[in-house]
Amino acid sequence: MGICLSCFKDSSNDCSATEIVSAEARRMKLAEAAEKRMKEQESRGLKDPEKVKRQMERNQEIERRQEEASKIGGSGGLKWQVDN
């Protein structure tokens, strides 16, 4: 009856280059999967996520312009007055 001595080796000494590479590859795959999940979560329920991003950028640009106009002209818009 043979005893399999290779089964009882100390596994801490068997750290080969292929195991290190596979660990790096595994980390990369996990990072890619996490990024993919984040993108899917952002676009969940949207038909065209790019359109939504463009619209958000437009809204931010409009807000920025309004802030600049208020700084430059003070109250550069129309004034509402009611005579009593």
C-alpha atoms as a PDB file:
ATOM      1  CA  MET A   1       0.000   0.000   0.000  1.00  0.00           C
ATOM      2  CA  GLY A   2       1.492   3.236  -1.111  1.00  0.00           C
ATOM      3  CA  ILE A   3       1.285   6.488   0.725  1.00  0.00           C
ATOM      4  CA  CYS A   4       0.995   9.605  -1.344  1.00  0.00           C
ATOM      5  CA  LEU A   5       3.692  11.796   0.203  1.00  0.00           C
ATOM      6  CA  SER A   6       3.103  14.594  -2.253  1.00  0.00           C
ATOM      7  CA  CYS A   7      -0.272  15.193  -0.609  1.00  0.00           C
ATOM      8  CA  PHE A   8       1.412  16.034   2.700  1.00  0.00           C
ATOM      9  CA  LYS A   9       3.802  18.696   1.390  1.00  0.00           C
ATOM     10  CA  ASP A  10       4.003  22.091   3.065  1.00  0.00           C
ATOM     11  CA  SER A  11       1.926  24.292   0.762  1.00  0.00           C
ATOM     12  CA  SER A  12       3.617  27.531   1.938  1.00  0.00           C
ATOM     13  CA  ASN A  13       6.799  26.546   0.060  1.00  0.00           C
ATOM     14  CA  ASP A  14       4.972  25.923  -3.241  1.00  0.00           C
ATOM     15  CA  CYS A  15       4.431  29.549  -4.267  1.00  0.00           C
ATOM     16  CA  SER A  16       5.270  29.347  -7.954  1.00  0.00           C
ATOM     17  CA  ALA A  17       5.208  32.116 -10.545  1.00  0.00           C
ATOM     18  CA  THR A  18       2.091  30.683 -12.187  1.00  0.00           C
ATOM     19  CA  GLU A  19       0.158  31.011  -8.940  1.00  0.00           C
ATOM     20  CA  ILE A  20       1.233  34.650  -8.587  1.00  0.00           C
ATOM     21  CA  VAL A  21       0.248  35.406 -12.177  1.00  0.00           C
ATOM     22  CA  SER A  22      -3.069  33.693 -11.731  1.00  0.00           C
ATOM     23  CA  ALA A  23      -3.717  35.755  -8.603  1.00  0.00           C
ATOM     24  CA  GLU A  24      -2.935  38.949 -10.570  1.00  0.00           C
ATOM     25  CA  ALA A  25      -5.178  37.813 -13.408  1.00  0.00           C
ATOM     26  CA  ARG A  26      -7.931  37.028 -10.923  1.00  0.00           C
ATOM     27  CA  ARG A  27      -7.635  40.513  -9.392  1.00  0.00           C
ATOM     28  CA  MET A  28      -7.825  42.102 -12.835  1.00  0.00           C
ATOM     29  CA  LYS A  29     -10.913  40.095 -13.734  1.00  0.00           C
ATOM     30  CA  LEU A  30     -12.574  41.035 -10.449  1.00  0.00           C
ATOM     31  CA  ALA A  31     -11.813  44.723 -11.038  1.00  0.00           C
ATOM     32  CA  GLU A  32     -13.213  44.555 -14.577  1.00  0.00           C
ATOM     33  CA  ALA A  33     -16.348  42.805 -13.336  1.00  0.00           C
ATOM     34  CA  ALA A  34     -16.834  45.465 -10.650  1.00  0.00           C
ATOM     35  CA  GLU A  35     -16.530  48.246 -13.249  1.00  0.00           C
ATOM     36  CA  LYS A  36     -19.015  46.471 -15.503  1.00  0.00           C
ATOM     37  CA  ARG A  37     -21.502  46.141 -12.619  1.00  0.00           C
ATOM     38  CA  MET A  38     -21.145  49.843 -11.802  1.00  0.00           C
ATOM     39  CA  LYS A  39     -21.847  50.827 -15.427  1.00  0.00           C
ATOM     40  CA  GLU A  40     -24.865  48.534 -15.561  1.00  0.00           C
ATOM     41  CA  GLN A  41     -26.173  49.945 -12.282  1.00  0.00           C
ATOM     42  CA  GLU A  42     -25.837  53.524 -13.581  1.00  0.00           C
ATOM     43  CA  SER A  43     -27.770  52.772 -16.750  1.00  0.00           C
ATOM     44  CA  ARG A  44     -30.440  50.562 -15.193  1.00  0.00           C
ATOM     45  CA  GLY A  45     -33.868  51.577 -16.443  1.00  0.00           C
ATOM     46  CA  LEU A  46     -32.527  54.017 -19.036  1.00  0.00           C
ATOM     47  CA  LYS A  47     -33.042  53.542 -22.736  1.00  0.00           C
ATOM     48  CA  ASP A  48     -30.181  55.813 -23.763  1.00  0.00           C
ATOM     49  CA  PRO A  49     -27.711  56.478 -20.923  1.00  0.00           C
ATOM     50  CA  GLU A  50     -25.508  58.656 -23.151  1.00  0.00           C
ATOM     51  CA  LYS A  51     -28.423  61.004 -23.791  1.00  0.00           C
ATOM     52  CA  VAL A  52     -28.970  61.363 -20.053  1.00  0.00           C
ATOM     53  CA  LYS A  53     -25.284  62.189 -19.524  1.00  0.00           C
ATOM     54  CA  ARG A  54     -25.395  64.820 -22.282  1.00  0.00           C
ATOM     55  CA  GLN A  55     -28.511  66.383 -20.773  1.00  0.00           C
ATOM     56  CA  MET A  56     -26.924  66.504 -17.325  1.00  0.00           C
ATOM     57  CA  GLU A  57     -23.855  68.214 -18.794  1.00  0.00           C
ATOM     58  CA  ARG A  58     -26.103  70.742 -20.564  1.00  0.00           C
ATOM     59  CA  ASN A  59     -27.947  71.482 -17.315  1.00  0.00           C
ATOM     60  CA  GLN A  60     -24.664  71.998 -15.476  1.00  0.00           C
ATOM     61  CA  GLU A  61     -23.465  74.355 -18.226  1.00  0.00           C
ATOM     62  CA  ILE A  62     -26.705  76.368 -18.009  1.00  0.00           C
ATOM     63  CA  GLU A  63     -26.380  76.622 -14.223  1.00  0.00           C
ATOM     64  CA  ARG A  64     -22.755  77.728 -14.547  1.00  0.00           C
ATOM     65  CA  ARG A  65     -23.720  80.424 -17.074  1.00  0.00           C
ATOM     66  CA  GLN A  66     -26.517  81.666 -14.836  1.00  0.00           C
ATOM     67  CA  GLU A  67     -24.119  81.924 -11.891  1.00  0.00           C
ATOM     68  CA  GLU A  68     -21.617  83.859 -14.018  1.00  0.00           C
ATOM     69  CA  ALA A  69     -24.342  86.200 -15.267  1.00  0.00           C
ATOM     70  CA  SER A  70     -25.555  86.889 -11.735  1.00  0.00           C
ATOM     71  CA  LYS A  71     -21.991  87.687 -10.609  1.00  0.00           C
ATOM     72  CA  ILE A  72     -21.313  90.032 -13.530  1.00  0.00           C
ATOM     73  CA  GLY A  73     -24.599  91.868 -13.844  1.00  0.00           C
ATOM     74  CA  GLY A  74     -25.842  91.664 -10.304  1.00  0.00           C
ATOM     75  CA  SER A  75     -29.514  91.220 -11.079  1.00  0.00           C
ATOM     76  CA  GLY A  76     -29.121  91.090 -14.839  1.00  0.00           C
ATOM     77  CA  GLY A  77     -32.589  89.636 -15.402  1.00  0.00           C
ATOM     78  CA  LEU A  78     -36.023  91.148 -15.473  1.00  0.00           C
ATOM     79  CA  LYS A  79     -37.429  92.892 -12.431  1.00  0.00           C
ATOM     80  CA  TRP A  80     -40.963  92.444 -11.273  1.00  0.00           C
ATOM     81  CA  GLN A  81     -42.600  95.479  -9.750  1.00  0.00           C
ATOM     82  CA  VAL A  82     -46.091  95.913  -8.409  1.00  0.00           C
ATOM     83  CA  ASP A  83     -47.460  99.416  -7.758  1.00  0.00           C
ATOM     84  CA  ASN A  84     -49.842  99.736  -4.879  1.00  0.00           C
END
